[in-house]
């Protein structure tokens, strides 16, 4: 064995979380996502959206660039669409 090689870290039982007690090593700041999470905290309904490859790749690439999940992008886009549609139909948003 080469004397200049660094010693490898020892793997002990203290490094392994017990089942049900694992937590992420890095915590992210979600303050920019408060609006989306507040709406999702109560009632929600799952919805499937089928996208062609170009739209799917655009969505994922923008999600990475903006540090947003696809769900957040869809909710923001839907909110804007609903607001615009309401204004076009002469309705006011509540």
PDB file of N, CA and C in Angstrom:
ATOM      1  N   UNK A   1       0.854  -1.181   0.000  1.00  0.00           N
ATOM      2  CA  UNK A   1       0.000   0.000   0.000  1.00  0.00           C
ATOM      3  C   UNK A   1       0.889   1.230   0.000  1.00  0.00           C
ATOM      4  N   UNK A   2       0.505   2.251  -0.717  1.00  0.00           N
ATOM      5  CA  UNK A   2       1.274   3.481  -0.833  1.00  0.00           C
ATOM      6  C   UNK A   2       1.129   4.305   0.451  1.00  0.00           C
ATOM      7  N   UNK A   3       2.239   4.752   1.032  1.00  0.00           N
ATOM      8  CA  UNK A   3       2.199   5.523   2.284  1.00  0.00           C
ATOM      9  C   UNK A   3       1.603   6.914   2.089  1.00  0.00           C
ATOM     10  N   UNK A   4       1.596   7.424   0.874  1.00  0.00           N
ATOM     11  CA  UNK A   4       1.091   8.771   0.619  1.00  0.00           C
ATOM     12  C   UNK A   4      -0.419   8.803   0.412  1.00  0.00           C
ATOM     13  N   UNK A   5      -1.044   7.651   0.300  1.00  0.00           N
ATOM     14  CA  UNK A   5      -2.503   7.615   0.120  1.00  0.00           C
ATOM     15  C   UNK A   5      -3.197   7.966   1.429  1.00  0.00           C
ATOM     16  N   UNK A   6      -4.270   8.753   1.315  1.00  0.00           N
ATOM     17  CA  UNK A   6      -5.025   9.136   2.506  1.00  0.00           C
ATOM     18  C   UNK A   6      -5.796   7.939   3.039  1.00  0.00           C
ATOM     19  N   UNK A   7      -5.921   7.899   4.349  1.00  0.00           N
ATOM     20  CA  UNK A   7      -6.679   6.830   4.982  1.00  0.00           C
ATOM     21  C   UNK A   7      -8.163   7.040   4.683  1.00  0.00           C
ATOM     22  N   UNK A   8      -8.871   6.001   4.341  1.00  0.00           N
ATOM     23  CA  UNK A   8     -10.299   6.110   4.059  1.00  0.00           C
ATOM     24  C   UNK A   8     -11.074   6.295   5.348  1.00  0.00           C
ATOM     25  N   UNK A   9     -12.222   6.942   5.216  1.00  0.00           N
ATOM     26  CA  UNK A   9     -13.068   7.173   6.385  1.00  0.00           C
ATOM     27  C   UNK A   9     -13.652   5.850   6.856  1.00  0.00           C
ATOM     28  N   UNK A  10     -13.752   5.709   8.153  1.00  0.00           N
ATOM     29  CA  UNK A  10     -14.334   4.481   8.686  1.00  0.00           C
ATOM     30  C   UNK A  10     -15.849   4.598   8.670  1.00  0.00           C
ATOM     31  N   UNK A  11     -16.498   3.538   8.290  1.00  0.00           N
ATOM     32  CA  UNK A  11     -17.953   3.514   8.271  1.00  0.00           C
ATOM     33  C   UNK A  11     -18.433   2.817   9.529  1.00  0.00           C
ATOM     34  N   UNK A  12     -19.056   3.571  10.396  1.00  0.00           N
ATOM     35  CA  UNK A  12     -19.522   3.017  11.658  1.00  0.00           C
ATOM     36  C   UNK A  12     -21.043   3.085  11.724  1.00  0.00           C
ATOM     37  N   UNK A  13     -21.609   2.404  12.674  1.00  0.00           N
ATOM     38  CA  UNK A  13     -23.064   2.387  12.837  1.00  0.00           C
ATOM     39  C   UNK A  13     -23.604   3.778  13.144  1.00  0.00           C
ATOM     40  N   UNK A  14     -22.791   4.673  13.689  1.00  0.00           N
ATOM     41  CA  UNK A  14     -23.239   6.025  14.008  1.00  0.00           C
ATOM     42  C   UNK A  14     -23.548   6.855  12.773  1.00  0.00           C
ATOM     43  N   UNK A  15     -23.057   6.441  11.616  1.00  0.00           N
ATOM     44  CA  UNK A  15     -23.308   7.178  10.380  1.00  0.00           C
ATOM     45  C   UNK A  15     -24.621   6.779   9.712  1.00  0.00           C
ATOM     46  N   UNK A  16     -25.214   5.705  10.144  1.00  0.00           N
ATOM     47  CA  UNK A  16     -26.435   5.206   9.529  1.00  0.00           C
ATOM     48  C   UNK A  16     -27.628   5.594  10.398  1.00  0.00           C
ATOM     49  N   UNK A  17     -28.613   6.258   9.763  1.00  0.00           N
ATOM     50  CA  UNK A  17     -29.810   6.672  10.496  1.00  0.00           C
ATOM     51  C   UNK A  17     -30.710   5.468  10.744  1.00  0.00           C
ATOM     52  N   UNK A  18     -31.378   5.481  11.882  1.00  0.00           N
ATOM     53  CA  UNK A  18     -32.336   4.430  12.181  1.00  0.00           C
ATOM     54  C   UNK A  18     -33.562   4.629  11.298  1.00  0.00           C
ATOM     55  N   UNK A  19     -34.233   3.544  10.982  1.00  0.00           N
ATOM     56  CA  UNK A  19     -35.391   3.599  10.104  1.00  0.00           C
ATOM     57  C   UNK A  19     -36.424   4.586  10.655  1.00  0.00           C
ATOM     58  N   UNK A  20     -36.850   5.502   9.797  1.00  0.00           N
ATOM     59  CA  UNK A  20     -37.836   6.503  10.181  1.00  0.00           C
ATOM     60  C   UNK A  20     -37.245   7.778  10.765  1.00  0.00           C
ATOM     61  N   UNK A  21     -35.913   7.814  10.974  1.00  0.00           N
ATOM     62  CA  UNK A  21     -35.287   8.986  11.577  1.00  0.00           C
ATOM     63  C   UNK A  21     -34.286   9.663  10.655  1.00  0.00           C
ATOM     64  N   UNK A  22     -34.296   9.329   9.369  1.00  0.00           N
ATOM     65  CA  UNK A  22     -33.366   9.938   8.419  1.00  0.00           C
ATOM     66  C   UNK A  22     -33.794  11.374   8.122  1.00  0.00           C
ATOM     67  N   UNK A  23     -32.843  12.233   7.853  1.00  0.00           N
ATOM     68  CA  UNK A  23     -33.124  13.612   7.474  1.00  0.00           C
ATOM     69  C   UNK A  23     -32.095  14.052   6.447  1.00  0.00           C
ATOM     70  N   UNK A  24     -32.430  15.038   5.619  1.00  0.00           N
ATOM     71  CA  UNK A  24     -31.482  15.483   4.605  1.00  0.00           C
ATOM     72  C   UNK A  24     -30.252  16.125   5.233  1.00  0.00           C
ATOM     73  N   UNK A  25     -29.120  15.957   4.565  1.00  0.00           N
ATOM     74  CA  UNK A  25     -27.886  16.540   5.066  1.00  0.00           C
ATOM     75  C   UNK A  25     -27.873  18.044   4.887  1.00  0.00           C
ATOM     76  N   UNK A  26     -28.534  18.541   3.836  1.00  0.00           N
ATOM     77  CA  UNK A  26     -28.568  19.968   3.537  1.00  0.00           C
ATOM     78  C   UNK A  26     -30.016  20.416   3.536  1.00  0.00           C
ATOM     79  N   UNK A  27     -30.304  21.471   4.246  1.00  0.00           N
ATOM     80  CA  UNK A  27     -31.647  22.025   4.270  1.00  0.00           C
ATOM     81  C   UNK A  27     -31.703  23.195   3.306  1.00  0.00           C
ATOM     82  N   UNK A  28     -32.761  23.289   2.497  1.00  0.00           N
ATOM     83  CA  UNK A  28     -32.912  24.367   1.539  1.00  0.00           C
ATOM     84  C   UNK A  28     -33.845  25.427   2.089  1.00  0.00           C
ATOM     85  N   UNK A  29     -33.609  26.676   1.671  1.00  0.00           N
ATOM     86  CA  UNK A  29     -34.467  27.783   2.061  1.00  0.00           C
ATOM     87  C   UNK A  29     -35.644  27.834   1.099  1.00  0.00           C
ATOM     88  N   UNK A  30     -36.849  27.603   1.590  1.00  0.00           N
ATOM     89  CA  UNK A  30     -38.042  27.583   0.744  1.00  0.00           C
ATOM     90  C   UNK A  30     -38.855  28.862   0.882  1.00  0.00           C
ATOM     91  N   UNK A  31     -38.261  29.977   1.292  1.00  0.00           N
ATOM     92  CA  UNK A  31     -39.028  31.196   1.496  1.00  0.00           C
ATOM     93  C   UNK A  31     -39.630  31.711   0.206  1.00  0.00           C
ATOM     94  N   UNK A  32     -38.983  31.511  -0.938  1.00  0.00           N
ATOM     95  CA  UNK A  32     -39.507  31.968  -2.215  1.00  0.00           C
ATOM     96  C   UNK A  32     -40.684  31.144  -2.691  1.00  0.00           C
ATOM     97  N   UNK A  33     -40.938  30.018  -2.097  1.00  0.00           N
ATOM     98  CA  UNK A  33     -41.992  29.119  -2.535  1.00  0.00           C
ATOM     99  C   UNK A  33     -43.178  29.120  -1.570  1.00  0.00           C
ATOM    100  N   UNK A  34     -43.275  30.092  -0.710  1.00  0.00           N
ATOM    101  CA  UNK A  34     -44.301  30.108   0.328  1.00  0.00           C
ATOM    102  C   UNK A  34     -45.706  30.130  -0.255  1.00  0.00           C
ATOM    103  N   UNK A  35     -45.931  30.898  -1.338  1.00  0.00           N
ATOM    104  CA  UNK A  35     -47.259  31.009  -1.923  1.00  0.00           C
ATOM    105  C   UNK A  35     -47.779  29.686  -2.439  1.00  0.00           C
ATOM    106  N   UNK A  36     -46.956  28.955  -3.113  1.00  0.00           N
ATOM    107  CA  UNK A  36     -47.360  27.668  -3.664  1.00  0.00           C
ATOM    108  C   UNK A  36     -47.603  26.659  -2.557  1.00  0.00           C
ATOM    109  N   UNK A  37     -46.742  26.625  -1.573  1.00  0.00           N
ATOM    110  CA  UNK A  37     -46.878  25.648  -0.493  1.00  0.00           C
ATOM    111  C   UNK A  37     -48.084  25.963   0.388  1.00  0.00           C
ATOM    112  N   UNK A  38     -48.411  27.247   0.556  1.00  0.00           N
ATOM    113  CA  UNK A  38     -49.552  27.602   1.383  1.00  0.00           C
ATOM    114  C   UNK A  38     -50.836  27.081   0.750  1.00  0.00           C
ATOM    115  N   UNK A  39     -50.944  27.180  -0.568  1.00  0.00           N
ATOM    116  CA  UNK A  39     -52.134  26.693  -1.247  1.00  0.00           C
ATOM    117  C   UNK A  39     -52.186  25.171  -1.202  1.00  0.00           C
ATOM    118  N   UNK A  40     -51.040  24.522  -1.270  1.00  0.00           N
ATOM    119  CA  UNK A  40     -51.002  23.069  -1.295  1.00  0.00           C
ATOM    120  C   UNK A  40     -51.179  22.463   0.094  1.00  0.00           C
ATOM    121  N   UNK A  41     -51.085  23.259   1.139  1.00  0.00           N
ATOM    122  CA  UNK A  41     -51.172  22.736   2.499  1.00  0.00           C
ATOM    123  C   UNK A  41     -52.562  22.193   2.815  1.00  0.00           C
ATOM    124  N   UNK A  42     -53.585  22.786   2.193  1.00  0.00           N
ATOM    125  CA  UNK A  42     -54.943  22.318   2.446  1.00  0.00           C
ATOM    126  C   UNK A  42     -55.348  21.274   1.428  1.00  0.00           C
ATOM    127  N   UNK A  43     -56.437  21.537   0.754  1.00  0.00           N
ATOM    128  CA  UNK A  43     -56.964  20.606  -0.247  1.00  0.00           C
ATOM    129  C   UNK A  43     -56.116  20.629  -1.509  1.00  0.00           C
ATOM    130  N   UNK A  44     -55.944  19.483  -2.123  1.00  0.00           N
ATOM    131  CA  UNK A  44     -55.324  19.423  -3.440  1.00  0.00           C
ATOM    132  C   UNK A  44     -55.864  18.230  -4.198  1.00  0.00           C
ATOM    133  N   UNK A  45     -55.758  18.297  -5.490  1.00  0.00           N
ATOM    134  CA  UNK A  45     -56.217  17.223  -6.356  1.00  0.00           C
ATOM    135  C   UNK A  45     -55.119  16.929  -7.364  1.00  0.00           C
ATOM    136  N   UNK A  46     -54.764  15.683  -7.509  1.00  0.00           N
ATOM    137  CA  UNK A  46     -53.731  15.288  -8.458  1.00  0.00           C
ATOM    138  C   UNK A  46     -54.271  15.401  -9.880  1.00  0.00           C
ATOM    139  N   UNK A  47     -53.406  15.794 -10.795  1.00  0.00           N
ATOM    140  CA  UNK A  47     -53.789  15.976 -12.179  1.00  0.00           C
ATOM    141  C   UNK A  47     -52.641  15.515 -13.067  1.00  0.00           C
ATOM    142  N   UNK A  48     -52.953  14.777 -14.091  1.00  0.00           N
ATOM    143  CA  UNK A  48     -51.928  14.327 -15.024  1.00  0.00           C
ATOM    144  C   UNK A  48     -51.955  15.211 -16.253  1.00  0.00           C
ATOM    145  N   UNK A  49     -50.793  15.659 -16.674  1.00  0.00           N
ATOM    146  CA  UNK A  49     -50.672  16.487 -17.872  1.00  0.00           C
ATOM    147  C   UNK A  49     -49.746  15.776 -18.839  1.00  0.00           C
ATOM    148  N   UNK A  50     -50.205  15.593 -20.058  1.00  0.00           N
ATOM    149  CA  UNK A  50     -49.371  14.962 -21.080  1.00  0.00           C
ATOM    150  C   UNK A  50     -48.718  16.046 -21.917  1.00  0.00           C
ATOM    151  N   UNK A  51     -47.392  15.984 -22.030  1.00  0.00           N
ATOM    152  CA  UNK A  51     -46.630  16.975 -22.784  1.00  0.00           C
ATOM    153  C   UNK A  51     -45.827  16.296 -23.872  1.00  0.00           C
ATOM    154  N   UNK A  52     -45.657  17.003 -24.986  1.00  0.00           N
ATOM    155  CA  UNK A  52     -44.751  16.491 -26.000  1.00  0.00           C
ATOM    156  C   UNK A  52     -43.317  16.687 -25.493  1.00  0.00           C
ATOM    157  N   UNK A  53     -42.376  16.060 -26.154  1.00  0.00           N
ATOM    158  CA  UNK A  53     -40.986  16.069 -25.695  1.00  0.00           C
ATOM    159  C   UNK A  53     -40.408  17.482 -25.589  1.00  0.00           C
ATOM    160  N   UNK A  54     -40.705  18.332 -26.570  1.00  0.00           N
ATOM    161  CA  UNK A  54     -40.161  19.699 -26.567  1.00  0.00           C
ATOM    162  C   UNK A  54     -40.650  20.497 -25.356  1.00  0.00           C
ATOM    163  N   UNK A  55     -41.932  20.427 -25.065  1.00  0.00           N
ATOM    164  CA  UNK A  55     -42.467  21.152 -23.904  1.00  0.00           C
ATOM    165  C   UNK A  55     -41.934  20.575 -22.593  1.00  0.00           C
ATOM    166  N   UNK A  56     -41.852  19.246 -22.528  1.00  0.00           N
ATOM    167  CA  UNK A  56     -41.335  18.595 -21.316  1.00  0.00           C
ATOM    168  C   UNK A  56     -39.894  19.025 -21.047  1.00  0.00           C
ATOM    169  N   UNK A  57     -39.064  18.989 -22.074  1.00  0.00           N
ATOM    170  CA  UNK A  57     -37.658  19.379 -21.901  1.00  0.00           C
ATOM    171  C   UNK A  57     -37.539  20.856 -21.548  1.00  0.00           C
ATOM    172  N   UNK A  58     -38.357  21.706 -22.156  1.00  0.00           N
ATOM    173  CA  UNK A  58     -38.349  23.140 -21.824  1.00  0.00           C
ATOM    174  C   UNK A  58     -38.741  23.362 -20.369  1.00  0.00           C
ATOM    175  N   UNK A  59     -39.779  22.650 -19.931  1.00  0.00           N
ATOM    176  CA  UNK A  59     -40.237  22.756 -18.546  1.00  0.00           C
ATOM    177  C   UNK A  59     -39.131  22.354 -17.576  1.00  0.00           C
ATOM    178  N   UNK A  60     -38.490  21.224 -17.828  1.00  0.00           N
ATOM    179  CA  UNK A  60     -37.439  20.732 -16.939  1.00  0.00           C
ATOM    180  C   UNK A  60     -36.220  21.648 -16.949  1.00  0.00           C
ATOM    181  N   UNK A  61     -35.816  22.133 -18.133  1.00  0.00           N
ATOM    182  CA  UNK A  61     -34.663  23.024 -18.223  1.00  0.00           C
ATOM    183  C   UNK A  61     -34.917  24.338 -17.486  1.00  0.00           C
ATOM    184  N   UNK A  62     -36.107  24.906 -17.660  1.00  0.00           N
ATOM    185  CA  UNK A  62     -36.438  26.141 -16.943  1.00  0.00           C
ATOM    186  C   UNK A  62     -36.537  25.896 -15.445  1.00  0.00           C
ATOM    187  N   UNK A  63     -37.045  24.743 -15.063  1.00  0.00           N
ATOM    188  CA  UNK A  63     -37.116  24.405 -13.643  1.00  0.00           C
ATOM    189  C   UNK A  63     -35.749  24.403 -13.003  1.00  0.00           C
ATOM    190  N   UNK A  64     -34.771  23.864 -13.704  1.00  0.00           N
ATOM    191  CA  UNK A  64     -33.403  23.847 -13.180  1.00  0.00           C
ATOM    192  C   UNK A  64     -32.856  25.268 -13.111  1.00  0.00           C
ATOM    193  N   UNK A  65     -33.048  26.045 -14.182  1.00  0.00           N
ATOM    194  CA  UNK A  65     -32.527  27.424 -14.220  1.00  0.00           C
ATOM    195  C   UNK A  65     -33.159  28.306 -13.151  1.00  0.00           C
ATOM    196  N   UNK A  66     -34.470  28.123 -12.923  1.00  0.00           N
ATOM    197  CA  UNK A  66     -35.198  28.956 -11.964  1.00  0.00           C
ATOM    198  C   UNK A  66     -35.238  28.366 -10.562  1.00  0.00           C
ATOM    199  N   UNK A  67     -34.695  27.162 -10.400  1.00  0.00           N
ATOM    200  CA  UNK A  67     -34.730  26.437  -9.130  1.00  0.00           C
ATOM    201  C   UNK A  67     -36.172  26.272  -8.646  1.00  0.00           C
ATOM    202  N   UNK A  68     -37.033  25.824  -9.566  1.00  0.00           N
ATOM    203  CA  UNK A  68     -38.435  25.589  -9.242  1.00  0.00           C
ATOM    204  C   UNK A  68     -38.832  24.208  -9.715  1.00  0.00           C
ATOM    205  N   UNK A  69     -39.752  23.615  -9.005  1.00  0.00           N
ATOM    206  CA  UNK A  69     -40.286  22.312  -9.394  1.00  0.00           C
ATOM    207  C   UNK A  69     -41.349  22.521 -10.470  1.00  0.00           C
ATOM    208  N   UNK A  70     -41.577  21.479 -11.255  1.00  0.00           N
ATOM    209  CA  UNK A  70     -42.587  21.542 -12.318  1.00  0.00           C
ATOM    210  C   UNK A  70     -43.945  21.934 -11.746  1.00  0.00           C
ATOM    211  N   UNK A  71     -44.281  21.409 -10.579  1.00  0.00           N
ATOM    212  CA  UNK A  71     -45.546  21.727  -9.921  1.00  0.00           C
ATOM    213  C   UNK A  71     -45.679  23.234  -9.697  1.00  0.00           C
ATOM    214  N   UNK A  72     -44.613  23.866  -9.214  1.00  0.00           N
ATOM    215  CA  UNK A  72     -44.644  25.303  -8.947  1.00  0.00           C
ATOM    216  C   UNK A  72     -44.831  26.104 -10.229  1.00  0.00           C
ATOM    217  N   UNK A  73     -44.148  25.686 -11.290  1.00  0.00           N
ATOM    218  CA  UNK A  73     -44.262  26.384 -12.568  1.00  0.00           C
ATOM    219  C   UNK A  73     -45.690  26.257 -13.097  1.00  0.00           C
ATOM    220  N   UNK A  74     -46.259  25.054 -13.022  1.00  0.00           N
ATOM    221  CA  UNK A  74     -47.628  24.850 -13.486  1.00  0.00           C
ATOM    222  C   UNK A  74     -48.623  25.685 -12.684  1.00  0.00           C
ATOM    223  N   UNK A  75     -48.478  25.719 -11.374  1.00  0.00           N
ATOM    224  CA  UNK A  75     -49.416  26.481 -10.535  1.00  0.00           C
ATOM    225  C   UNK A  75     -49.338  27.969 -10.866  1.00  0.00           C
ATOM    226  N   UNK A  76     -48.120  28.507 -11.006  1.00  0.00           N
ATOM    227  CA  UNK A  76     -47.972  29.923 -11.358  1.00  0.00           C
ATOM    228  C   UNK A  76     -48.577  30.213 -12.725  1.00  0.00           C
ATOM    229  N   UNK A  77     -48.308  29.339 -13.703  1.00  0.00           N
ATOM    230  CA  UNK A  77     -48.845  29.530 -15.050  1.00  0.00           C
ATOM    231  C   UNK A  77     -50.373  29.441 -15.052  1.00  0.00           C
ATOM    232  N   UNK A  78     -50.915  28.491 -14.314  1.00  0.00           N
ATOM    233  CA  UNK A  78     -52.362  28.340 -14.242  1.00  0.00           C
ATOM    234  C   UNK A  78     -53.006  29.550 -13.576  1.00  0.00           C
ATOM    235  N   UNK A  79     -52.402  30.049 -12.510  1.00  0.00           N
ATOM    236  CA  UNK A  79     -52.928  31.244 -11.841  1.00  0.00           C
ATOM    237  C   UNK A  79     -52.971  32.435 -12.803  1.00  0.00           C
ATOM    238  N   UNK A  80     -51.900  32.615 -13.592  1.00  0.00           N
ATOM    239  CA  UNK A  80     -51.872  33.712 -14.569  1.00  0.00           C
ATOM    240  C   UNK A  80     -52.939  33.522 -15.647  1.00  0.00           C
ATOM    241  N   UNK A  81     -53.092  32.275 -16.110  1.00  0.00           N
ATOM    242  CA  UNK A  81     -54.086  31.990 -17.141  1.00  0.00           C
ATOM    243  C   UNK A  81     -55.499  32.242 -16.625  1.00  0.00           C
ATOM    244  N   UNK A  82     -55.779  31.794 -15.414  1.00  0.00           N
ATOM    245  CA  UNK A  82     -57.109  32.000 -14.828  1.00  0.00           C
ATOM    246  C   UNK A  82     -57.393  33.483 -14.663  1.00  0.00           C
ATOM    247  N   UNK A  83     -56.401  34.231 -14.213  1.00  0.00           N
ATOM    248  CA  UNK A  83     -56.569  35.678 -14.037  1.00  0.00           C
ATOM    249  C   UNK A  83     -56.864  36.345 -15.382  1.00  0.00           C
ATOM    250  N   UNK A  84     -56.099  35.981 -16.410  1.00  0.00           N
ATOM    251  CA  UNK A  84     -56.295  36.570 -17.737  1.00  0.00           C
ATOM    252  C   UNK A  84     -57.642  36.167 -18.321  1.00  0.00           C
ATOM    253  N   UNK A  85     -58.015  34.916 -18.181  1.00  0.00           N
ATOM    254  CA  UNK A  85     -59.288  34.438 -18.703  1.00  0.00           C
ATOM    255  C   UNK A  85     -60.459  35.127 -18.002  1.00  0.00           C
ATOM    256  N   UNK A  86     -60.319  35.349 -16.708  1.00  0.00           N
ATOM    257  CA  UNK A  86     -61.367  36.024 -15.940  1.00  0.00           C
ATOM    258  C   UNK A  86     -61.543  37.468 -16.412  1.00  0.00           C
ATOM    259  N   UNK A  87     -60.412  38.130 -16.695  1.00  0.00           N
ATOM    260  CA  UNK A  87     -60.468  39.518 -17.151  1.00  0.00           C
ATOM    261  C   UNK A  87     -61.082  39.598 -18.540  1.00  0.00           C
ATOM    262  N   UNK A  88     -60.789  38.631 -19.401  1.00  0.00           N
ATOM    263  CA  UNK A  88     -61.338  38.622 -20.762  1.00  0.00           C
ATOM    264  C   UNK A  88     -62.833  38.373 -20.752  1.00  0.00           C
ATOM    265  N   UNK A  89     -63.317  37.650 -19.759  1.00  0.00           N
ATOM    266  CA  UNK A  89     -64.750  37.343 -19.674  1.00  0.00           C
ATOM    267  C   UNK A  89     -65.509  38.344 -18.824  1.00  0.00           C
ATOM    268  N   UNK A  90     -64.848  39.408 -18.382  1.00  0.00           N
ATOM    269  CA  UNK A  90     -65.513  40.426 -17.603  1.00  0.00           C
ATOM    270  C   UNK A  90     -65.725  40.055 -16.150  1.00  0.00           C
ATOM    271  N   UNK A  91     -65.090  38.987 -15.700  1.00  0.00           N
ATOM    272  CA  UNK A  91     -65.225  38.577 -14.309  1.00  0.00           C
ATOM    273  C   UNK A  91     -64.116  39.237 -13.486  1.00  0.00           C
ATOM    274  N   UNK A  92     -64.387  39.408 -12.210  1.00  0.00           N
ATOM    275  CA  UNK A  92     -63.359  39.916 -11.314  1.00  0.00           C
ATOM    276  C   UNK A  92     -62.884  38.786 -10.444  1.00  0.00           C
ATOM    277  N   UNK A  93     -61.589  38.796 -10.118  1.00  0.00           N
ATOM    278  CA  UNK A  93     -61.054  37.731  -9.265  1.00  0.00           C
ATOM    279  C   UNK A  93     -61.405  38.007  -7.828  1.00  0.00           C
ATOM    280  N   UNK A  94     -61.709  36.961  -7.089  1.00  0.00           N
ATOM    281  CA  UNK A  94     -62.107  37.090  -5.677  1.00  0.00           C
ATOM    282  C   UNK A  94     -60.902  37.223  -4.795  1.00  0.00           C
TER     283      UNK A  94
END
